Amino acid sequence: METLTINKDEIKWHPACQIDHIPEDGGACVLLGGRQIAIFNFARRGEWYATDNQCPHRQQMALSRGMIGSQGNEPKVACPFHKKTFSLKTGECLNDDGYEIATYPIKVVDDVVYIGL
């Protein structure tokens, strides 16, 4: 598995949505740059995350509808179909070494959610 290093100067921030478009302790999907990106408002932790919306297990665009929670101190999302769980920080699959998802930098400014691509 190859690790991708992102140069912070190369990130372009794209407005994705208003914060009230994402449910507290849940997720929603946006289309940015031709990609479906899942955005999660992990209100219990006061944190925001962005990942691929596609679960690599069955290539279903469903992660934004998954349940979020924690495994130890690791924030995670579970695919609503087959319960594969992924770290919201790293994209690593926490219950099957054969899968991973991309994660994206995210920030909130003036009630707007921005995704870094």
C-alpha atoms as a PDB file:
ATOM      1  CA  MET A   1       0.000   0.000   0.000  1.00  0.00           C
ATOM      2  CA  GLU A   2       1.458   3.350  -1.098  1.00  0.00           C
ATOM      3  CA  THR A   3       1.098   6.395   1.131  1.00  0.00           C
ATOM      4  CA  LEU A   4       0.086   9.617  -0.603  1.00  0.00           C
ATOM      5  CA  THR A   5       1.813  12.750   0.641  1.00  0.00           C
ATOM      6  CA  ILE A   6      -0.136  15.962   0.074  1.00  0.00           C
ATOM      7  CA  ASN A   7       1.690  19.245  -0.237  1.00  0.00           C
ATOM      8  CA  LYS A   8      -0.490  21.726   1.671  1.00  0.00           C
ATOM      9  CA  ASP A   9       0.323  24.409  -0.949  1.00  0.00           C
ATOM     10  CA  GLU A  10      -1.279  22.245  -3.664  1.00  0.00           C
ATOM     11  CA  ILE A  11      -4.653  21.917  -1.913  1.00  0.00           C
ATOM     12  CA  LYS A  12      -7.464  23.842  -3.555  1.00  0.00           C
ATOM     13  CA  TRP A  13     -10.388  24.468  -1.218  1.00  0.00           C
ATOM     14  CA  HIS A  14     -13.854  23.987  -2.723  1.00  0.00           C
ATOM     15  CA  PRO A  15     -17.070  25.125  -1.030  1.00  0.00           C
ATOM     16  CA  ALA A  16     -19.197  21.998  -0.603  1.00  0.00           C
ATOM     17  CA  CYS A  17     -22.293  23.030   1.372  1.00  0.00           C
ATOM     18  CA  GLN A  18     -23.651  24.920   4.361  1.00  0.00           C
ATOM     19  CA  ILE A  19     -23.081  23.250   7.730  1.00  0.00           C
ATOM     20  CA  ASP A  20     -26.827  22.844   8.279  1.00  0.00           C
ATOM     21  CA  HIS A  21     -27.002  20.585   5.192  1.00  0.00           C
ATOM     22  CA  ILE A  22     -25.122  17.863   7.091  1.00  0.00           C
ATOM     23  CA  PRO A  23     -27.000  16.227   9.991  1.00  0.00           C
ATOM     24  CA  GLU A  24     -25.338  16.241  13.396  1.00  0.00           C
ATOM     25  CA  ASP A  25     -23.634  12.898  14.036  1.00  0.00           C
ATOM     26  CA  GLY A  26     -24.353  11.858  10.472  1.00  0.00           C
ATOM     27  CA  GLY A  27     -23.319  12.375   6.894  1.00  0.00           C
ATOM     28  CA  ALA A  28     -24.367  13.506   3.441  1.00  0.00           C
ATOM     29  CA  CYS A  29     -22.897  13.303  -0.054  1.00  0.00           C
ATOM     30  CA  VAL A  30     -21.717  16.085  -2.369  1.00  0.00           C
ATOM     31  CA  LEU A  31     -20.385  15.973  -5.917  1.00  0.00           C
ATOM     32  CA  LEU A  32     -17.091  17.849  -6.280  1.00  0.00           C
ATOM     33  CA  GLY A  33     -14.749  17.635  -9.225  1.00  0.00           C
ATOM     34  CA  GLY A  34     -16.664  14.648 -10.572  1.00  0.00           C
ATOM     35  CA  ARG A  35     -16.244  12.736  -7.281  1.00  0.00           C
ATOM     36  CA  GLN A  36     -18.900  11.715  -4.786  1.00  0.00           C
ATOM     37  CA  ILE A  37     -17.551  12.810  -1.414  1.00  0.00           C
ATOM     38  CA  ALA A  38     -19.116  11.863   1.910  1.00  0.00           C
ATOM     39  CA  ILE A  39     -19.059  14.630   4.525  1.00  0.00           C
ATOM     40  CA  PHE A  40     -19.529  13.737   8.184  1.00  0.00           C
ATOM     41  CA  ASN A  41     -20.444  16.065  11.051  1.00  0.00           C
ATOM     42  CA  PHE A  42     -19.236  14.117  14.083  1.00  0.00           C
ATOM     43  CA  ALA A  43     -20.891  16.569  16.495  1.00  0.00           C
ATOM     44  CA  ARG A  44     -20.285  14.389  19.580  1.00  0.00           C
ATOM     45  CA  ARG A  45     -16.555  14.855  18.984  1.00  0.00           C
ATOM     46  CA  GLY A  46     -16.793  18.384  17.538  1.00  0.00           C
ATOM     47  CA  GLU A  47     -15.068  17.166  14.348  1.00  0.00           C
ATOM     48  CA  TRP A  48     -15.736  17.109  10.593  1.00  0.00           C
ATOM     49  CA  TYR A  49     -14.484  14.495   8.102  1.00  0.00           C
ATOM     50  CA  ALA A  50     -14.594  13.922   4.349  1.00  0.00           C
ATOM     51  CA  THR A  51     -14.049  10.605   2.549  1.00  0.00           C
ATOM     52  CA  ASP A  52     -14.900   8.841  -0.673  1.00  0.00           C
ATOM     53  CA  ASN A  53     -18.593   8.009  -0.744  1.00  0.00           C
ATOM     54  CA  GLN A  54     -17.916   4.694  -2.485  1.00  0.00           C
ATOM     55  CA  CYS A  55     -17.420   1.636  -0.304  1.00  0.00           C
ATOM     56  CA  PRO A  56     -14.666  -0.386  -2.001  1.00  0.00           C
ATOM     57  CA  HIS A  57     -16.126  -3.685  -0.775  1.00  0.00           C
ATOM     58  CA  ARG A  58     -19.017  -3.732  -3.294  1.00  0.00           C
ATOM     59  CA  GLN A  59     -18.420  -0.387  -5.063  1.00  0.00           C
ATOM     60  CA  GLN A  60     -21.674   1.033  -3.676  1.00  0.00           C
ATOM     61  CA  MET A  61     -22.021   4.804  -3.239  1.00  0.00           C
ATOM     62  CA  ALA A  62     -23.274   4.562   0.317  1.00  0.00           C
ATOM     63  CA  LEU A  63     -20.771   5.620   2.966  1.00  0.00           C
ATOM     64  CA  SER A  64     -22.453   8.991   3.537  1.00  0.00           C
ATOM     65  CA  ARG A  65     -25.463   7.019   4.835  1.00  0.00           C
ATOM     66  CA  GLY A  66     -23.357   4.888   7.180  1.00  0.00           C
ATOM     67  CA  MET A  67     -23.303   5.019  10.970  1.00  0.00           C
ATOM     68  CA  ILE A  68     -20.470   6.937  12.567  1.00  0.00           C
ATOM     69  CA  GLY A  69     -18.930   6.105  15.908  1.00  0.00           C
ATOM     70  CA  SER A  70     -15.609   5.346  17.532  1.00  0.00           C
ATOM     71  CA  GLN A  71     -13.440   2.270  17.827  1.00  0.00           C
ATOM     72  CA  GLY A  72     -11.353   3.091  20.857  1.00  0.00           C
ATOM     73  CA  ASN A  73     -10.296   6.670  20.083  1.00  0.00           C
ATOM     74  CA  GLU A  74     -10.540   6.194  16.289  1.00  0.00           C
ATOM     75  CA  PRO A  75     -13.525   7.879  14.574  1.00  0.00           C
ATOM     76  CA  LYS A  76     -15.106   5.519  12.056  1.00  0.00           C
ATOM     77  CA  VAL A  77     -17.936   5.024   9.589  1.00  0.00           C
ATOM     78  CA  ALA A  78     -19.643   1.680   8.913  1.00  0.00           C
ATOM     79  CA  CYS A  79     -20.975   0.920   5.434  1.00  0.00           C
ATOM     80  CA  PRO A  80     -24.759   0.573   5.770  1.00  0.00           C
ATOM     81  CA  PHE A  81     -24.820  -2.547   3.579  1.00  0.00           C
ATOM     82  CA  HIS A  82     -22.066  -4.908   4.717  1.00  0.00           C
ATOM     83  CA  LYS A  83     -20.726  -3.180   7.851  1.00  0.00           C
ATOM     84  CA  LYS A  84     -17.140  -2.714   6.676  1.00  0.00           C
ATOM     85  CA  THR A  85     -15.776  -0.003   8.965  1.00  0.00           C
ATOM     86  CA  PHE A  86     -13.310   2.685   7.903  1.00  0.00           C
ATOM     87  CA  SER A  87     -11.248   5.204   9.849  1.00  0.00           C
ATOM     88  CA  LEU A  88     -12.532   8.705   9.162  1.00  0.00           C
ATOM     89  CA  LYS A  89      -8.975   9.995   9.724  1.00  0.00           C
ATOM     90  CA  THR A  90      -6.912   7.639   7.549  1.00  0.00           C
ATOM     91  CA  GLY A  91      -9.422   5.718   5.399  1.00  0.00           C
ATOM     92  CA  GLU A  92      -8.003   2.398   6.631  1.00  0.00           C
ATOM     93  CA  CYS A  93     -10.521  -0.452   6.846  1.00  0.00           C
ATOM     94  CA  LEU A  94     -10.706  -1.404  10.517  1.00  0.00           C
ATOM     95  CA  ASN A  95     -12.160  -4.889  10.038  1.00  0.00           C
ATOM     96  CA  ASP A  96     -10.655  -6.099   6.724  1.00  0.00           C
ATOM     97  CA  ASP A  97      -7.092  -5.388   5.591  1.00  0.00           C
ATOM     98  CA  GLY A  98      -8.042  -5.622   1.923  1.00  0.00           C
ATOM     99  CA  TYR A  99      -9.862  -2.275   1.654  1.00  0.00           C
ATOM    100  CA  GLU A 100      -9.341   1.448   2.205  1.00  0.00           C
ATOM    101  CA  ILE A 101     -10.967   4.717   1.201  1.00  0.00           C
ATOM    102  CA  ALA A 102      -9.573   8.137   0.366  1.00  0.00           C
ATOM    103  CA  THR A 103      -9.933  10.893   2.937  1.00  0.00           C
ATOM    104  CA  TYR A 104      -9.901  14.614   2.196  1.00  0.00           C
ATOM    105  CA  PRO A 105      -8.961  17.688   4.202  1.00  0.00           C
ATOM    106  CA  ILE A 106     -11.993  19.577   5.435  1.00  0.00           C
ATOM    107  CA  LYS A 107     -12.578  22.910   7.117  1.00  0.00           C
ATOM    108  CA  VAL A 108     -15.557  25.010   8.162  1.00  0.00           C
ATOM    109  CA  VAL A 109     -15.458  28.789   7.693  1.00  0.00           C
ATOM    110  CA  ASP A 110     -18.445  31.071   8.297  1.00  0.00           C
ATOM    111  CA  ASP A 111     -20.897  28.127   8.313  1.00  0.00           C
ATOM    112  CA  VAL A 112     -19.625  26.821   4.952  1.00  0.00           C
ATOM    113  CA  VAL A 113     -17.964  23.407   4.633  1.00  0.00           C
ATOM    114  CA  TYR A 114     -14.883  23.357   2.378  1.00  0.00           C
ATOM    115  CA  ILE A 115     -13.196  20.242   0.978  1.00  0.00           C
ATOM    116  CA  GLY A 116      -9.570  20.249  -0.112  1.00  0.00           C
ATOM    117  CA  LEU A 117      -8.861  18.567  -3.456  1.00  0.00           C
END
